[in-house]
Amino acid sequence: MKADISAFLGGYRPGHSLAHRMPVWSKYLLVLVVGVTPFFVKQWWFSSGCLIMAVGIDLVVARMPVRTALSIGVPLWIANVLILAYHCFFTTWQRGVIYVAGLLACLYIARLVTCTTDPGALMDAIVAMVGPLRPLGAKPEKFALTLALMWTTIPYLIGSVGQVREAARARGLRHSSWRFLIPMFVGAVGHALEMGEALKARGLGDDE
């Protein structure tokens, strides 16, 4: 379960590929060009080209395994199929391709950043990006820490859902999905309290 979560979210994988040696700003530029511009150009051929480019960059430049580069999970595949089917029936297939290909291109090219960039370097880049807003009262370090905590909490919550479901199935509760809510909620609150205590112990939760 953890391996699937890491592959889906794009956990950092050490390596010596060209993408690993690229500066962080250039990776963000690729995200902007390949992942964001399709939603502004709004041409099906452009979105499709960006999707092919994103996949090629992950496989060739970042040297990701095919499973890591392409896996997005069954729920997201289903969502994309539904989006494409909706536009094919109610608007045009071109518009469906624009949204689906654009979404996948954005996801795959963003995986380039998270899979090939050390978390420390990623946080330093976020701090540098928010730094110009410091005179307005912004706190870049805390902002970067918040994003890092969010990034580490999402896999925990997804893993918690999987564990609760497996435990429920072992007890024969296959069709009582509402019963999953209480242990999931308790686990999420417990994790939040633990993170809060850890931050407080390091003096990161106190106002200056």
Protein backbone atom coordinates (compact mmCIF):
# COMPACT_ATOMS: atom_id res chain seq x y z
CA MET A 1 0.00 0.00 0.00
CA LYS A 2 2.74 2.45 0.89
CA ALA A 3 4.61 1.76 -2.31
CA ASP A 4 1.49 2.48 -4.36
CA ILE A 5 0.90 5.72 -2.47
CA SER A 6 4.48 6.85 -3.04
CA ALA A 7 4.22 6.07 -6.73
CA PHE A 8 0.91 7.90 -7.05
CA LEU A 9 2.01 11.05 -5.23
CA GLY A 10 5.48 11.07 -6.71
CA GLY A 11 7.78 10.60 -3.73
CA TYR A 12 11.41 11.62 -4.11
CA ARG A 13 13.60 8.97 -5.74
CA PRO A 14 17.37 9.60 -5.63
CA GLY A 15 19.15 9.27 -8.93
CA HIS A 16 21.67 10.73 -11.36
CA SER A 17 19.46 11.54 -14.33
CA LEU A 18 19.48 14.85 -16.17
CA ALA A 19 16.27 15.81 -14.33
CA HIS A 20 17.96 15.23 -10.97
CA ARG A 21 20.73 17.65 -11.96
CA MET A 22 18.40 20.34 -13.28
CA PRO A 23 17.87 23.42 -11.07
CA VAL A 24 14.50 23.61 -9.39
CA TRP A 25 13.46 26.77 -11.26
CA SER A 26 13.84 25.00 -14.62
CA LYS A 27 11.54 22.19 -13.44
CA TYR A 28 8.94 24.74 -12.39
CA LEU A 29 9.28 26.34 -15.81
CA LEU A 30 8.55 22.97 -17.42
CA VAL A 31 5.47 22.62 -15.22
CA LEU A 32 4.30 26.04 -16.36
CA VAL A 33 4.91 25.38 -20.07
CA VAL A 34 3.83 21.75 -20.33
CA GLY A 35 1.26 21.49 -17.54
CA VAL A 36 -0.43 24.89 -17.34
CA THR A 37 -0.45 26.38 -20.85
CA PRO A 38 -2.81 23.69 -22.29
CA PHE A 39 -5.63 25.16 -20.21
CA PHE A 40 -5.05 28.56 -21.80
CA VAL A 41 -4.39 27.49 -25.39
CA LYS A 42 -7.46 25.19 -25.36
CA GLN A 43 -6.59 23.23 -28.49
CA TRP A 44 -6.96 19.46 -28.40
CA TRP A 45 -3.81 18.87 -30.44
CA PHE A 46 -1.78 21.13 -28.16
CA SER A 47 -3.03 19.40 -25.01
CA SER A 48 -2.29 15.99 -26.54
CA GLY A 49 1.20 17.12 -27.52
CA CYS A 50 1.88 18.39 -24.00
CA LEU A 51 0.73 15.05 -22.58
CA ILE A 52 3.10 13.14 -24.86
CA MET A 53 5.90 15.55 -23.96
CA ALA A 54 5.25 15.15 -20.22
CA VAL A 55 5.35 11.36 -20.45
CA GLY A 56 8.51 11.50 -22.57
CA ILE A 57 10.24 13.81 -20.09
CA ASP A 58 9.40 11.50 -17.17
CA LEU A 59 10.62 8.39 -18.99
CA VAL A 60 13.67 9.77 -20.80
CA VAL A 61 14.90 12.84 -18.92
CA ALA A 62 14.00 11.69 -15.39
CA ARG A 63 14.50 7.97 -16.16
CA MET A 64 11.48 6.99 -14.10
CA PRO A 65 10.22 3.41 -14.19
CA VAL A 66 7.15 3.10 -16.39
CA ARG A 67 4.94 2.25 -13.41
CA THR A 68 6.09 5.31 -11.47
CA ALA A 69 5.81 7.62 -14.47
CA LEU A 70 2.37 6.56 -15.68
CA SER A 71 0.45 5.21 -12.68
CA ILE A 72 -2.34 7.51 -11.51
CA GLY A 73 -4.72 5.07 -9.85
CA VAL A 74 -8.03 3.59 -10.92
CA PRO A 75 -10.25 6.39 -9.45
CA LEU A 76 -8.52 9.06 -11.51
CA TRP A 77 -8.70 6.96 -14.67
CA ILE A 78 -12.42 6.53 -14.09
CA ALA A 79 -12.82 10.28 -13.54
CA ASN A 80 -10.98 11.04 -16.78
CA VAL A 81 -13.12 8.56 -18.73
CA LEU A 82 -16.29 10.15 -17.32
CA ILE A 83 -15.07 13.64 -18.22
CA LEU A 84 -14.26 12.55 -21.76
CA ALA A 85 -17.59 10.73 -22.13
CA TYR A 86 -19.52 13.75 -20.85
CA HIS A 87 -17.97 16.10 -23.39
CA CYS A 88 -18.36 13.58 -26.21
CA PHE A 89 -22.11 13.41 -25.56
CA PHE A 90 -22.93 16.97 -24.47
CA THR A 91 -20.27 19.22 -26.06
CA THR A 92 -17.47 18.03 -28.37
CA TRP A 93 -14.84 15.31 -28.14
CA GLN A 94 -12.18 17.96 -28.75
CA ARG A 95 -13.12 19.74 -25.54
CA GLY A 96 -12.98 16.44 -23.66
CA VAL A 97 -9.48 15.77 -24.95
CA ILE A 98 -8.43 19.28 -23.95
CA TYR A 99 -9.41 18.77 -20.32
CA VAL A 100 -8.34 15.14 -19.93
CA ALA A 101 -5.01 15.47 -21.75
CA GLY A 102 -4.30 18.76 -20.00
CA LEU A 103 -5.00 17.27 -16.58
CA LEU A 104 -2.77 14.26 -17.24
CA ALA A 105 0.00 16.44 -18.66
CA CYS A 106 -0.09 18.63 -15.55
CA LEU A 107 -0.01 15.60 -13.26
CA TYR A 108 2.82 13.84 -15.09
CA ILE A 109 5.06 16.89 -15.44
CA ALA A 110 4.49 17.82 -11.78
CA ARG A 111 5.73 14.32 -10.91
CA LEU A 112 9.04 15.35 -12.47
CA VAL A 113 9.49 17.92 -9.69
CA THR A 114 8.53 15.72 -6.77
CA CYS A 115 10.34 12.58 -7.94
CA THR A 116 13.65 14.21 -8.86
CA THR A 117 13.97 17.04 -6.33
CA ASP A 118 15.25 16.55 -2.81
CA PRO A 119 12.61 17.73 -0.28
CA GLY A 120 15.13 20.11 1.28
CA ALA A 121 15.86 21.75 -2.06
CA LEU A 122 12.15 21.91 -2.76
CA MET A 123 11.52 23.74 0.51
CA ASP A 124 14.41 26.14 -0.16
CA ALA A 125 12.88 26.95 -3.56
CA ILE A 126 9.50 27.66 -1.95
CA VAL A 127 11.14 29.92 0.64
CA ALA A 128 12.95 31.82 -2.12
CA MET A 129 9.72 32.19 -4.08
CA VAL A 130 7.77 33.60 -1.13
CA GLY A 131 10.72 35.68 0.11
CA PRO A 132 9.75 38.89 -1.79
CA LEU A 133 6.47 38.94 0.16
CA ARG A 134 8.28 39.13 3.51
CA PRO A 135 7.83 42.95 3.80
CA LEU A 136 4.07 42.35 3.60
CA GLY A 137 4.19 40.10 6.64
CA ALA A 138 4.64 36.77 4.91
CA LYS A 139 6.73 34.10 6.64
CA PRO A 140 8.36 32.02 3.88
CA GLU A 141 9.82 29.40 6.23
CA LYS A 142 6.46 28.65 7.82
CA PHE A 143 4.77 28.62 4.43
CA ALA A 144 7.27 26.06 3.13
CA LEU A 145 6.89 24.01 6.30
CA THR A 146 3.11 24.03 5.89
CA LEU A 147 3.38 22.67 2.35
CA ALA A 148 5.85 20.02 3.50
CA LEU A 149 3.53 18.92 6.30
CA MET A 150 0.62 18.73 3.88
CA TRP A 151 2.69 16.64 1.48
CA THR A 152 3.62 14.16 4.22
CA THR A 153 0.14 14.05 5.74
CA ILE A 154 -1.68 13.09 2.53
CA PRO A 155 0.10 9.70 2.23
CA TYR A 156 -0.62 9.02 5.91
CA LEU A 157 -4.34 9.70 5.47
CA ILE A 158 -4.55 7.58 2.32
CA GLY A 159 -2.70 4.77 4.05
CA SER A 160 -5.04 5.09 7.02
CA VAL A 161 -8.06 4.68 4.75
CA GLY A 162 -6.56 1.52 3.28
CA GLN A 163 -5.76 0.06 6.70
CA VAL A 164 -9.25 0.76 8.03
CA ARG A 165 -10.87 -0.83 4.98
CA GLU A 166 -8.69 -3.92 5.24
CA ALA A 167 -9.48 -4.27 8.94
CA ALA A 168 -13.19 -3.85 8.24
CA ARG A 169 -13.14 -6.45 5.47
CA ALA A 170 -11.38 -8.88 7.80
CA ARG A 171 -14.36 -8.50 10.12
CA GLY A 172 -16.91 -8.97 7.36
CA LEU A 173 -17.94 -5.30 7.06
CA ARG A 174 -17.63 -5.10 3.29
CA HIS A 175 -20.87 -3.18 2.69
CA SER A 176 -20.88 -0.89 5.75
CA SER A 177 -18.64 1.87 4.46
CA TRP A 178 -20.12 4.42 6.89
CA ARG A 179 -18.49 2.53 9.75
CA PHE A 180 -15.08 3.47 8.36
CA LEU A 181 -15.57 7.11 9.30
CA ILE A 182 -15.00 6.92 13.06
CA PRO A 183 -11.60 5.13 13.04
CA MET A 184 -10.47 7.27 10.11
CA PHE A 185 -11.45 10.43 11.97
CA VAL A 186 -9.77 9.31 15.19
CA GLY A 187 -6.58 8.43 13.31
CA ALA A 188 -6.51 11.79 11.50
CA VAL A 189 -7.01 13.74 14.74
CA GLY A 190 -4.33 11.68 16.49
CA HIS A 191 -1.88 12.34 13.66
CA ALA A 192 -2.64 16.07 13.78
CA LEU A 193 -2.06 16.16 17.55
CA GLU A 194 1.26 14.34 17.17
CA MET A 195 2.40 16.78 14.49
CA GLY A 196 1.33 19.71 16.64
CA GLU A 197 3.30 18.45 19.62
CA ALA A 198 6.37 17.85 17.47
CA LEU A 199 6.21 21.39 16.07
CA LYS A 200 5.65 22.88 19.51
CA ALA A 201 8.66 21.00 20.89
CA ARG A 202 10.76 22.64 18.19
CA GLY A 203 9.31 26.09 18.82
CA LEU A 204 7.71 26.25 15.38
CA GLY A 205 4.18 26.72 16.53
CA ASP A 206 4.72 29.79 18.70
CA ASP A 207 4.19 33.34 17.47
CA GLU A 208 7.28 35.49 17.42
